[in-house]
């Protein structure tokens, strides 16, 4: 064996990070929660719910973002169509019906 004391140093450094509550009540609650999770493992519906809720929330946020984006793009294009129509309205528009020509201008 080598004289390298890596594992001992690692344990000493990790000892400072270890969670050790001083209160006996916290130890009791912690043991009870661990025992509860060991004795009653999650079933398939609970596991699926645990995974599908965040996925569903993600898709909901994505759909709302897409709807807001589409609405914003359509409103931006509508304003450009209005400005184009106002620019083009300065030139006369000619409409022909049954051989008669009508000119529309301001």
PDB file of N, CA and C in Angstrom:
ATOM      1  N   UNK A   1       0.836  -1.186   0.000  1.00  0.00           N
ATOM      2  CA  UNK A   1       0.000   0.000   0.000  1.00  0.00           C
ATOM      3  C   UNK A   1       0.874   1.240   0.000  1.00  0.00           C
ATOM      4  N   UNK A   2       0.290   2.310  -0.466  1.00  0.00           N
ATOM      5  CA  UNK A   2       1.052   3.556  -0.518  1.00  0.00           C
ATOM      6  C   UNK A   2       0.802   4.379   0.745  1.00  0.00           C
ATOM      7  N   UNK A   3       1.613   5.365   0.917  1.00  0.00           N
ATOM      8  CA  UNK A   3       1.477   6.254   2.064  1.00  0.00           C
ATOM      9  C   UNK A   3       0.531   7.420   1.765  1.00  0.00           C
ATOM     10  N   UNK A   4      -0.073   7.376   0.604  1.00  0.00           N
ATOM     11  CA  UNK A   4      -0.996   8.441   0.226  1.00  0.00           C
ATOM     12  C   UNK A   4      -2.249   8.369   1.098  1.00  0.00           C
ATOM     13  N   UNK A   5      -2.559   9.430   1.747  1.00  0.00           N
ATOM     14  CA  UNK A   5      -3.693   9.461   2.665  1.00  0.00           C
ATOM     15  C   UNK A   5      -4.848  10.260   2.039  1.00  0.00           C
ATOM     16  N   UNK A   6      -5.062  10.023   0.774  1.00  0.00           N
ATOM     17  CA  UNK A   6      -6.092  10.760   0.052  1.00  0.00           C
ATOM     18  C   UNK A   6      -7.476  10.533   0.655  1.00  0.00           C
ATOM     19  N   UNK A   7      -7.832   9.266   0.884  1.00  0.00           N
ATOM     20  CA  UNK A   7      -9.167   8.973   1.407  1.00  0.00           C
ATOM     21  C   UNK A   7      -9.365   9.553   2.801  1.00  0.00           C
ATOM     22  N   UNK A   8      -8.338   9.530   3.618  1.00  0.00           N
ATOM     23  CA  UNK A   8      -8.461  10.120   4.962  1.00  0.00           C
ATOM     24  C   UNK A   8      -8.657  11.629   4.879  1.00  0.00           C
ATOM     25  N   UNK A   9      -7.909  12.277   4.004  1.00  0.00           N
ATOM     26  CA  UNK A   9      -8.076  13.719   3.834  1.00  0.00           C
ATOM     27  C   UNK A   9      -9.457  14.041   3.267  1.00  0.00           C
ATOM     28  N   UNK A  10      -9.925  13.195   2.348  1.00  0.00           N
ATOM     29  CA  UNK A  10     -11.248  13.399   1.772  1.00  0.00           C
ATOM     30  C   UNK A  10     -12.331  13.278   2.845  1.00  0.00           C
ATOM     31  N   UNK A  11     -12.221  12.277   3.721  1.00  0.00           N
ATOM     32  CA  UNK A  11     -13.182  12.121   4.814  1.00  0.00           C
ATOM     33  C   UNK A  11     -13.150  13.313   5.761  1.00  0.00           C
ATOM     34  N   UNK A  12     -11.963  13.791   6.076  1.00  0.00           N
ATOM     35  CA  UNK A  12     -11.838  14.948   6.966  1.00  0.00           C
ATOM     36  C   UNK A  12     -12.456  16.202   6.348  1.00  0.00           C
ATOM     37  N   UNK A  13     -12.211  16.391   5.056  1.00  0.00           N
ATOM     38  CA  UNK A  13     -12.794  17.554   4.378  1.00  0.00           C
ATOM     39  C   UNK A  13     -14.310  17.431   4.273  1.00  0.00           C
ATOM     40  N   UNK A  14     -14.795  16.223   4.040  1.00  0.00           N
ATOM     41  CA  UNK A  14     -16.232  16.015   3.895  1.00  0.00           C
ATOM     42  C   UNK A  14     -16.957  16.087   5.227  1.00  0.00           C
ATOM     43  N   UNK A  15     -16.260  15.877   6.325  1.00  0.00           N
ATOM     44  CA  UNK A  15     -16.897  15.930   7.640  1.00  0.00           C
ATOM     45  C   UNK A  15     -17.485  17.309   7.912  1.00  0.00           C
ATOM     46  N   UNK A  16     -16.854  18.341   7.399  1.00  0.00           N
ATOM     47  CA  UNK A  16     -17.378  19.694   7.595  1.00  0.00           C
ATOM     48  C   UNK A  16     -18.677  19.904   6.829  1.00  0.00           C
ATOM     49  N   UNK A  17     -18.867  19.184   5.740  1.00  0.00           N
ATOM     50  CA  UNK A  17     -20.053  19.343   4.908  1.00  0.00           C
ATOM     51  C   UNK A  17     -21.215  18.455   5.339  1.00  0.00           C
ATOM     52  N   UNK A  18     -20.971  17.543   6.225  1.00  0.00           N
ATOM     53  CA  UNK A  18     -21.991  16.602   6.656  1.00  0.00           C
ATOM     54  C   UNK A  18     -23.097  17.321   7.423  1.00  0.00           C
ATOM     55  N   UNK A  19     -24.348  16.961   7.144  1.00  0.00           N
ATOM     56  CA  UNK A  19     -25.500  17.558   7.824  1.00  0.00           C
ATOM     57  C   UNK A  19     -25.788  16.759   9.084  1.00  0.00           C
ATOM     58  N   UNK A  20     -25.571  17.377  10.210  1.00  0.00           N
ATOM     59  CA  UNK A  20     -25.838  16.729  11.491  1.00  0.00           C
ATOM     60  C   UNK A  20     -26.625  17.694  12.369  1.00  0.00           C
ATOM     61  N   UNK A  21     -27.943  17.614  12.337  1.00  0.00           N
ATOM     62  CA  UNK A  21     -28.727  18.529  13.168  1.00  0.00           C
ATOM     63  C   UNK A  21     -28.519  18.233  14.652  1.00  0.00           C
ATOM     64  N   UNK A  22     -28.473  19.265  15.437  1.00  0.00           N
ATOM     65  CA  UNK A  22     -28.251  19.126  16.878  1.00  0.00           C
ATOM     66  C   UNK A  22     -29.544  18.789  17.605  1.00  0.00           C
ATOM     67  N   UNK A  23     -30.657  19.114  17.002  1.00  0.00           N
ATOM     68  CA  UNK A  23     -31.955  18.917  17.633  1.00  0.00           C
ATOM     69  C   UNK A  23     -32.418  17.469  17.449  1.00  0.00           C
ATOM     70  N   UNK A  24     -32.870  16.828  18.527  1.00  0.00           N
ATOM     71  CA  UNK A  24     -33.347  15.444  18.455  1.00  0.00           C
ATOM     72  C   UNK A  24     -34.630  15.353  17.645  1.00  0.00           C
ATOM     73  N   UNK A  25     -35.435  16.409  17.674  1.00  0.00           N
ATOM     74  CA  UNK A  25     -36.681  16.412  16.903  1.00  0.00           C
ATOM     75  C   UNK A  25     -36.399  16.306  15.410  1.00  0.00           C
ATOM     76  N   UNK A  26     -35.393  17.024  14.927  1.00  0.00           N
ATOM     77  CA  UNK A  26     -35.044  16.938  13.512  1.00  0.00           C
ATOM     78  C   UNK A  26     -34.558  15.544  13.139  1.00  0.00           C
ATOM     79  N   UNK A  27     -33.778  14.910  14.010  1.00  0.00           N
ATOM     80  CA  UNK A  27     -33.328  13.541  13.738  1.00  0.00           C
ATOM     81  C   UNK A  27     -34.523  12.607  13.650  1.00  0.00           C
ATOM     82  N   UNK A  28     -35.507  12.784  14.528  1.00  0.00           N
ATOM     83  CA  UNK A  28     -36.689  11.929  14.523  1.00  0.00           C
ATOM     84  C   UNK A  28     -37.469  12.110  13.225  1.00  0.00           C
ATOM     85  N   UNK A  29     -37.664  13.357  12.815  1.00  0.00           N
ATOM     86  CA  UNK A  29     -38.379  13.616  11.566  1.00  0.00           C
ATOM     87  C   UNK A  29     -37.623  13.051  10.374  1.00  0.00           C
ATOM     88  N   UNK A  30     -36.318  13.204  10.358  1.00  0.00           N
ATOM     89  CA  UNK A  30     -35.503  12.704   9.251  1.00  0.00           C
ATOM     90  C   UNK A  30     -35.598  11.185   9.152  1.00  0.00           C
ATOM     91  N   UNK A  31     -35.475  10.506  10.293  1.00  0.00           N
ATOM     92  CA  UNK A  31     -35.606   9.042  10.284  1.00  0.00           C
ATOM     93  C   UNK A  31     -36.992   8.611   9.824  1.00  0.00           C
ATOM     94  N   UNK A  32     -38.023   9.321  10.269  1.00  0.00           N
ATOM     95  CA  UNK A  32     -39.395   8.965   9.890  1.00  0.00           C
ATOM     96  C   UNK A  32     -39.598   9.127   8.381  1.00  0.00           C
ATOM     97  N   UNK A  33     -39.060  10.192   7.817  1.00  0.00           N
ATOM     98  CA  UNK A  33     -39.211  10.392   6.366  1.00  0.00           C
ATOM     99  C   UNK A  33     -38.475   9.327   5.576  1.00  0.00           C
ATOM    100  N   UNK A  34     -37.286   8.958   6.011  1.00  0.00           N
ATOM    101  CA  UNK A  34     -36.520   7.916   5.323  1.00  0.00           C
ATOM    102  C   UNK A  34     -37.256   6.584   5.433  1.00  0.00           C
ATOM    103  N   UNK A  35     -37.743   6.266   6.626  1.00  0.00           N
ATOM    104  CA  UNK A  35     -38.483   5.019   6.817  1.00  0.00           C
ATOM    105  C   UNK A  35     -39.741   4.981   5.949  1.00  0.00           C
ATOM    106  N   UNK A  36     -40.450   6.095   5.879  1.00  0.00           N
ATOM    107  CA  UNK A  36     -41.673   6.182   5.079  1.00  0.00           C
ATOM    108  C   UNK A  36     -41.383   5.917   3.610  1.00  0.00           C
ATOM    109  N   UNK A  37     -40.321   6.500   3.089  1.00  0.00           N
ATOM    110  CA  UNK A  37     -39.991   6.313   1.674  1.00  0.00           C
ATOM    111  C   UNK A  37     -39.518   4.897   1.391  1.00  0.00           C
ATOM    112  N   UNK A  38     -38.893   4.245   2.370  1.00  0.00           N
ATOM    113  CA  UNK A  38     -38.434   2.875   2.174  1.00  0.00           C
ATOM    114  C   UNK A  38     -39.609   1.909   2.222  1.00  0.00           C
ATOM    115  N   UNK A  39     -40.515   2.130   3.179  1.00  0.00           N
ATOM    116  CA  UNK A  39     -41.636   1.205   3.357  1.00  0.00           C
ATOM    117  C   UNK A  39     -42.693   1.355   2.281  1.00  0.00           C
ATOM    118  N   UNK A  40     -42.884   2.552   1.767  1.00  0.00           N
ATOM    119  CA  UNK A  40     -43.914   2.790   0.754  1.00  0.00           C
ATOM    120  C   UNK A  40     -43.278   3.380  -0.494  1.00  0.00           C
ATOM    121  N   UNK A  41     -42.709   2.531  -1.340  1.00  0.00           N
ATOM    122  CA  UNK A  41     -42.100   3.069  -2.561  1.00  0.00           C
ATOM    123  C   UNK A  41     -43.184   3.613  -3.494  1.00  0.00           C
ATOM    124  N   UNK A  42     -42.780   4.494  -4.374  1.00  0.00           N
ATOM    125  CA  UNK A  42     -43.740   5.104  -5.296  1.00  0.00           C
ATOM    126  C   UNK A  42     -44.221   4.072  -6.300  1.00  0.00           C
ATOM    127  N   UNK A  43     -45.485   4.190  -6.658  1.00  0.00           N
ATOM    128  CA  UNK A  43     -46.035   3.305  -7.675  1.00  0.00           C
ATOM    129  C   UNK A  43     -45.955   4.001  -9.038  1.00  0.00           C
ATOM    130  N   UNK A  44     -46.399   3.313 -10.062  1.00  0.00           N
ATOM    131  CA  UNK A  44     -46.250   3.824 -11.431  1.00  0.00           C
ATOM    132  C   UNK A  44     -47.006   5.137 -11.648  1.00  0.00           C
ATOM    133  N   UNK A  45     -48.270   5.256 -11.214  1.00  0.00           N
ATOM    134  CA  UNK A  45     -48.946   6.545 -11.434  1.00  0.00           C
ATOM    135  C   UNK A  45     -48.254   7.724 -10.735  1.00  0.00           C
ATOM    136  N   UNK A  46     -47.741   7.501  -9.540  1.00  0.00           N
ATOM    137  CA  UNK A  46     -47.038   8.578  -8.850  1.00  0.00           C
ATOM    138  C   UNK A  46     -45.746   8.940  -9.582  1.00  0.00           C
ATOM    139  N   UNK A  47     -45.048   7.934 -10.069  1.00  0.00           N
ATOM    140  CA  UNK A  47     -43.812   8.191 -10.793  1.00  0.00           C
ATOM    141  C   UNK A  47     -44.095   8.956 -12.091  1.00  0.00           C
ATOM    142  N   UNK A  48     -45.142   8.541 -12.816  1.00  0.00           N
ATOM    143  CA  UNK A  48     -45.500   9.234 -14.052  1.00  0.00           C
ATOM    144  C   UNK A  48     -45.932  10.667 -13.767  1.00  0.00           C
ATOM    145  N   UNK A  49     -46.704  10.859 -12.701  1.00  0.00           N
ATOM    146  CA  UNK A  49     -47.123  12.216 -12.344  1.00  0.00           C
ATOM    147  C   UNK A  49     -45.924  13.081 -12.000  1.00  0.00           C
ATOM    148  N   UNK A  50     -44.961  12.509 -11.325  1.00  0.00           N
ATOM    149  CA  UNK A  50     -43.761  13.258 -10.951  1.00  0.00           C
ATOM    150  C   UNK A  50     -42.978  13.698 -12.188  1.00  0.00           C
ATOM    151  N   UNK A  51     -43.001  12.891 -13.250  1.00  0.00           N
ATOM    152  CA  UNK A  51     -42.285  13.232 -14.473  1.00  0.00           C
ATOM    153  C   UNK A  51     -43.125  14.071 -15.424  1.00  0.00           C
ATOM    154  N   UNK A  52     -44.418  13.761 -15.521  1.00  0.00           N
ATOM    155  CA  UNK A  52     -45.239  14.421 -16.530  1.00  0.00           C
ATOM    156  C   UNK A  52     -45.661  15.834 -16.138  1.00  0.00           C
ATOM    157  N   UNK A  53     -45.774  16.150 -14.876  1.00  0.00           N
ATOM    158  CA  UNK A  53     -46.161  17.505 -14.482  1.00  0.00           C
ATOM    159  C   UNK A  53     -45.172  18.554 -14.977  1.00  0.00           C
ATOM    160  N   UNK A  54     -43.880  18.373 -14.766  1.00  0.00           N
ATOM    161  CA  UNK A  54     -42.952  19.386 -15.306  1.00  0.00           C
ATOM    162  C   UNK A  54     -42.927  19.426 -16.833  1.00  0.00           C
ATOM    163  N   UNK A  55     -43.062  18.273 -17.468  1.00  0.00           N
ATOM    164  CA  UNK A  55     -43.079  18.243 -18.937  1.00  0.00           C
ATOM    165  C   UNK A  55     -44.310  18.972 -19.449  1.00  0.00           C
ATOM    166  N   UNK A  56     -45.458  18.739 -18.824  1.00  0.00           N
ATOM    167  CA  UNK A  56     -46.694  19.415 -19.215  1.00  0.00           C
ATOM    168  C   UNK A  56     -46.572  20.915 -18.993  1.00  0.00           C
ATOM    169  N   UNK A  57     -45.992  21.304 -17.878  1.00  0.00           N
ATOM    170  CA  UNK A  57     -45.803  22.733 -17.609  1.00  0.00           C
ATOM    171  C   UNK A  57     -44.886  23.364 -18.653  1.00  0.00           C
ATOM    172  N   UNK A  58     -43.850  22.636 -19.063  1.00  0.00           N
ATOM    173  CA  UNK A  58     -42.943  23.157 -20.086  1.00  0.00           C
ATOM    174  C   UNK A  58     -43.684  23.385 -21.396  1.00  0.00           C
ATOM    175  N   UNK A  59     -44.484  22.399 -21.820  1.00  0.00           N
ATOM    176  CA  UNK A  59     -45.220  22.552 -23.078  1.00  0.00           C
ATOM    177  C   UNK A  59     -46.278  23.647 -22.979  1.00  0.00           C
ATOM    178  N   UNK A  60     -46.865  23.834 -21.804  1.00  0.00           N
ATOM    179  CA  UNK A  60     -47.826  24.903 -21.621  1.00  0.00           C
ATOM    180  C   UNK A  60     -47.144  26.265 -21.770  1.00  0.00           C
ATOM    181  N   UNK A  61     -45.991  26.424 -21.162  1.00  0.00           N
ATOM    182  CA  UNK A  61     -45.242  27.674 -21.293  1.00  0.00           C
ATOM    183  C   UNK A  61     -44.818  27.888 -22.742  1.00  0.00           C
ATOM    184  N   UNK A  62     -44.416  26.816 -23.404  1.00  0.00           N
ATOM    185  CA  UNK A  62     -44.026  26.908 -24.812  1.00  0.00           C
ATOM    186  C   UNK A  62     -45.208  27.334 -25.682  1.00  0.00           C
ATOM    187  N   UNK A  63     -46.402  26.780 -25.431  1.00  0.00           N
ATOM    188  CA  UNK A  63     -47.590  27.136 -26.207  1.00  0.00           C
ATOM    189  C   UNK A  63     -47.995  28.585 -25.971  1.00  0.00           C
ATOM    190  N   UNK A  64     -47.939  29.027 -24.721  1.00  0.00           N
ATOM    191  CA  UNK A  64     -48.279  30.418 -24.424  1.00  0.00           C
ATOM    192  C   UNK A  64     -47.280  31.361 -25.100  1.00  0.00           C
ATOM    193  N   UNK A  65     -46.008  31.018 -25.055  1.00  0.00           N
ATOM    194  CA  UNK A  65     -44.992  31.831 -25.715  1.00  0.00           C
ATOM    195  C   UNK A  65     -45.199  31.890 -27.222  1.00  0.00           C
ATOM    196  N   UNK A  66     -45.558  30.754 -27.814  1.00  0.00           N
ATOM    197  CA  UNK A  66     -45.810  30.731 -29.258  1.00  0.00           C
ATOM    198  C   UNK A  66     -47.030  31.570 -29.609  1.00  0.00           C
ATOM    199  N   UNK A  67     -48.084  31.468 -28.799  1.00  0.00           N
ATOM    200  CA  UNK A  67     -49.290  32.258 -29.066  1.00  0.00           C
ATOM    201  C   UNK A  67     -48.994  33.755 -28.959  1.00  0.00           C
ATOM    202  N   UNK A  68     -48.243  34.135 -27.936  1.00  0.00           N
ATOM    203  CA  UNK A  68     -47.891  35.549 -27.793  1.00  0.00           C
ATOM    204  C   UNK A  68     -46.998  36.014 -28.939  1.00  0.00           C
ATOM    205  N   UNK A  69     -46.071  35.165 -29.364  1.00  0.00           N
ATOM    206  CA  UNK A  69     -45.195  35.507 -30.482  1.00  0.00           C
ATOM    207  C   UNK A  69     -45.955  35.678 -31.780  1.00  0.00           C
ATOM    208  N   UNK A  70     -46.877  34.775 -32.048  1.00  0.00           N
ATOM    209  CA  UNK A  70     -47.676  34.867 -33.275  1.00  0.00           C
ATOM    210  C   UNK A  70     -48.532  36.123 -33.251  1.00  0.00           C
ATOM    211  N   UNK A  71     -49.129  36.416 -32.093  1.00  0.00           N
ATOM    212  CA  UNK A  71     -49.947  37.626 -31.979  1.00  0.00           C
ATOM    213  C   UNK A  71     -49.108  38.868 -32.229  1.00  0.00           C
ATOM    214  N   UNK A  72     -47.913  38.911 -31.663  1.00  0.00           N
ATOM    215  CA  UNK A  72     -47.050  40.070 -31.847  1.00  0.00           C
ATOM    216  C   UNK A  72     -46.639  40.223 -33.311  1.00  0.00           C
ATOM    217  N   UNK A  73     -46.306  39.111 -33.968  1.00  0.00           N
ATOM    218  CA  UNK A  73     -45.893  39.170 -35.373  1.00  0.00           C
ATOM    219  C   UNK A  73     -47.040  39.643 -36.245  1.00  0.00           C
ATOM    220  N   UNK A  74     -48.253  39.133 -35.986  1.00  0.00           N
ATOM    221  CA  UNK A  74     -49.397  39.549 -36.795  1.00  0.00           C
ATOM    222  C   UNK A  74     -49.692  41.030 -36.607  1.00  0.00           C
ATOM    223  N   UNK A  75     -49.593  41.511 -35.383  1.00  0.00           N
ATOM    224  CA  UNK A  75     -49.853  42.941 -35.154  1.00  0.00           C
ATOM    225  C   UNK A  75     -48.778  43.796 -35.811  1.00  0.00           C
ATOM    226  N   UNK A  76     -47.552  43.338 -35.807  1.00  0.00           N
ATOM    227  CA  UNK A  76     -46.483  44.095 -36.449  1.00  0.00           C
ATOM    228  C   UNK A  76     -46.704  44.158 -37.952  1.00  0.00           C
ATOM    229  N   UNK A  77     -47.170  43.052 -38.551  1.00  0.00           N
ATOM    230  CA  UNK A  77     -47.423  43.043 -39.992  1.00  0.00           C
ATOM    231  C   UNK A  77     -48.657  43.856 -40.340  1.00  0.00           C
ATOM    232  N   UNK A  78     -49.671  43.855 -39.481  1.00  0.00           N
ATOM    233  CA  UNK A  78     -50.864  44.653 -39.754  1.00  0.00           C
ATOM    234  C   UNK A  78     -50.512  46.127 -39.811  1.00  0.00           C
ATOM    235  N   UNK A  79     -49.653  46.575 -38.910  1.00  0.00           N
ATOM    236  CA  UNK A  79     -49.270  47.990 -38.932  1.00  0.00           C
ATOM    237  C   UNK A  79     -48.476  48.313 -40.190  1.00  0.00           C
ATOM    238  N   UNK A  80     -47.670  47.371 -40.679  1.00  0.00           N
ATOM    239  CA  UNK A  80     -46.929  47.638 -41.919  1.00  0.00           C
ATOM    240  C   UNK A  80     -47.873  47.641 -43.112  1.00  0.00           C
ATOM    241  N   UNK A  81     -48.925  46.795 -43.086  1.00  0.00           N
ATOM    242  CA  UNK A  81     -49.911  46.809 -44.170  1.00  0.00           C
ATOM    243  C   UNK A  81     -50.675  48.129 -44.190  1.00  0.00           C
ATOM    244  N   UNK A  82     -50.986  48.640 -43.010  1.00  0.00           N
ATOM    245  CA  UNK A  82     -51.684  49.922 -42.937  1.00  0.00           C
ATOM    246  C   UNK A  82     -50.802  51.029 -43.477  1.00  0.00           C
ATOM    247  N   UNK A  83     -49.522  51.027 -43.107  1.00  0.00           N
ATOM    248  CA  UNK A  83     -48.629  52.066 -43.610  1.00  0.00           C
ATOM    249  C   UNK A  83     -48.440  51.939 -45.124  1.00  0.00           C
ATOM    250  N   UNK A  84     -48.382  50.723 -45.652  1.00  0.00           N
ATOM    251  CA  UNK A  84     -48.287  50.542 -47.106  1.00  0.00           C
ATOM    252  C   UNK A  84     -49.540  51.060 -47.791  1.00  0.00           C
ATOM    253  N   UNK A  85     -50.696  50.777 -47.214  1.00  0.00           N
ATOM    254  CA  UNK A  85     -51.944  51.232 -47.812  1.00  0.00           C
ATOM    255  C   UNK A  85     -52.017  52.760 -47.805  1.00  0.00           C
ATOM    256  N   UNK A  86     -51.515  53.390 -46.759  1.00  0.00           N
ATOM    257  CA  UNK A  86     -51.542  54.848 -46.690  1.00  0.00           C
ATOM    258  C   UNK A  86     -50.578  55.450 -47.704  1.00  0.00           C
ATOM    259  N   UNK A  87     -49.431  54.797 -47.889  1.00  0.00           N
ATOM    260  CA  UNK A  87     -48.470  55.296 -48.870  1.00  0.00           C
ATOM    261  C   UNK A  87     -49.034  55.146 -50.271  1.00  0.00           C
ATOM    262  N   UNK A  88     -49.631  54.001 -50.559  1.00  0.00           N
ATOM    263  CA  UNK A  88     -50.158  53.736 -51.892  1.00  0.00           C
ATOM    264  C   UNK A  88     -51.451  54.489 -52.159  1.00  0.00           C
ATOM    265  N   UNK A  89     -52.079  55.018 -51.126  1.00  0.00           N
ATOM    266  CA  UNK A  89     -53.357  55.704 -51.357  1.00  0.00           C
ATOM    267  C   UNK A  89     -53.152  57.063 -52.026  1.00  0.00           C
ATOM    268  N   UNK A  90     -51.935  57.584 -52.058  1.00  0.00           N
ATOM    269  CA  UNK A  90     -51.686  58.869 -52.713  1.00  0.00           C
ATOM    270  C   UNK A  90     -51.755  58.742 -54.236  1.00  0.00           C
ATOM    271  N   UNK A  91     -51.566  57.534 -54.747  1.00  0.00           N
ATOM    272  CA  UNK A  91     -51.693  57.328 -56.191  1.00  0.00           C
ATOM    273  C   UNK A  91     -53.110  56.886 -56.497  1.00  0.00           C
ATOM    274  N   UNK A  92     -53.677  57.332 -57.595  1.00  0.00           N
ATOM    275  CA  UNK A  92     -55.068  56.966 -57.913  1.00  0.00           C
ATOM    276  C   UNK A  92     -55.189  55.479 -58.266  1.00  0.00           C
ATOM    277  N   UNK A  93     -56.338  54.929 -57.916  1.00  0.00           N
ATOM    278  CA  UNK A  93     -56.627  53.539 -58.220  1.00  0.00           C
ATOM    279  C   UNK A  93     -57.715  53.524 -59.278  1.00  0.00           C
ATOM    280  N   UNK A  94     -57.484  52.738 -60.324  1.00  0.00           N
ATOM    281  CA  UNK A  94     -58.474  52.671 -61.401  1.00  0.00           C
ATOM    282  C   UNK A  94     -59.159  51.315 -61.375  1.00  0.00           C
ATOM    283  N   UNK A  95     -60.485  51.348 -61.434  1.00  0.00           N
ATOM    284  CA  UNK A  95     -61.286  50.132 -61.449  1.00  0.00           C
ATOM    285  C   UNK A  95     -62.126  50.153 -62.718  1.00  0.00           C
ATOM    286  N   UNK A  96     -62.114  49.027 -63.419  1.00  0.00           N
ATOM    287  CA  UNK A  96     -62.885  48.930 -64.655  1.00  0.00           C
ATOM    288  C   UNK A  96     -64.020  47.943 -64.459  1.00  0.00           C
ATOM    289  N   UNK A  97     -65.264  48.411 -64.692  1.00  0.00           N
ATOM    290  CA  UNK A  97     -66.456  47.562 -64.602  1.00  0.00           C
ATOM    291  C   UNK A  97     -67.272  47.747 -65.868  1.00  0.00           C
ATOM    292  N   UNK A  98     -67.573  46.682 -66.544  1.00  0.00           N
ATOM    293  CA  UNK A  98     -68.405  46.698 -67.754  1.00  0.00           C
ATOM    294  C   UNK A  98     -67.949  47.746 -68.765  1.00  0.00           C
ATOM    295  N   UNK A  99     -66.676  47.894 -68.908  1.00  0.00           N
ATOM    296  CA  UNK A  99     -66.171  48.837 -69.899  1.00  0.00           C
ATOM    297  C   UNK A  99     -66.011  50.242 -69.376  1.00  0.00           C
ATOM    298  N   UNK A 100     -66.562  50.564 -68.232  1.00  0.00           N
ATOM    299  CA  UNK A 100     -66.417  51.892 -67.652  1.00  0.00           C
ATOM    300  C   UNK A 100     -65.223  51.877 -66.699  1.00  0.00           C
ATOM    301  N   UNK A 101     -64.428  52.925 -66.752  1.00  0.00           N
ATOM    302  CA  UNK A 101     -63.260  53.025 -65.887  1.00  0.00           C
ATOM    303  C   UNK A 101     -63.527  54.077 -64.809  1.00  0.00           C
ATOM    304  N   UNK A 102     -63.331  53.674 -63.576  1.00  0.00           N
ATOM    305  CA  UNK A 102     -63.531  54.571 -62.438  1.00  0.00           C
ATOM    306  C   UNK A 102     -62.174  54.801 -61.785  1.00  0.00           C
ATOM    307  N   UNK A 103     -61.899  56.046 -61.454  1.00  0.00           N
ATOM    308  CA  UNK A 103     -60.651  56.409 -60.821  1.00  0.00           C
ATOM    309  C   UNK A 103     -60.916  56.808 -59.377  1.00  0.00           C
ATOM    310  N   UNK A 104     -60.203  56.178 -58.447  1.00  0.00           N
ATOM    311  CA  UNK A 104     -60.343  56.479 -57.028  1.00  0.00           C
ATOM    312  C   UNK A 104     -59.096  57.231 -56.578  1.00  0.00           C
ATOM    313  N   UNK A 105     -59.277  58.434 -56.104  1.00  0.00           N
ATOM    314  CA  UNK A 105     -58.167  59.229 -55.597  1.00  0.00           C
ATOM    315  C   UNK A 105     -58.719  60.157 -54.522  1.00  0.00           C
ATOM    316  N   UNK A 106     -57.823  60.772 -53.778  1.00  0.00           N
ATOM    317  CA  UNK A 106     -58.275  61.697 -52.728  1.00  0.00           C
ATOM    318  C   UNK A 106     -58.789  62.961 -53.329  1.00  0.00           C
TER     319      UNK A 106
END
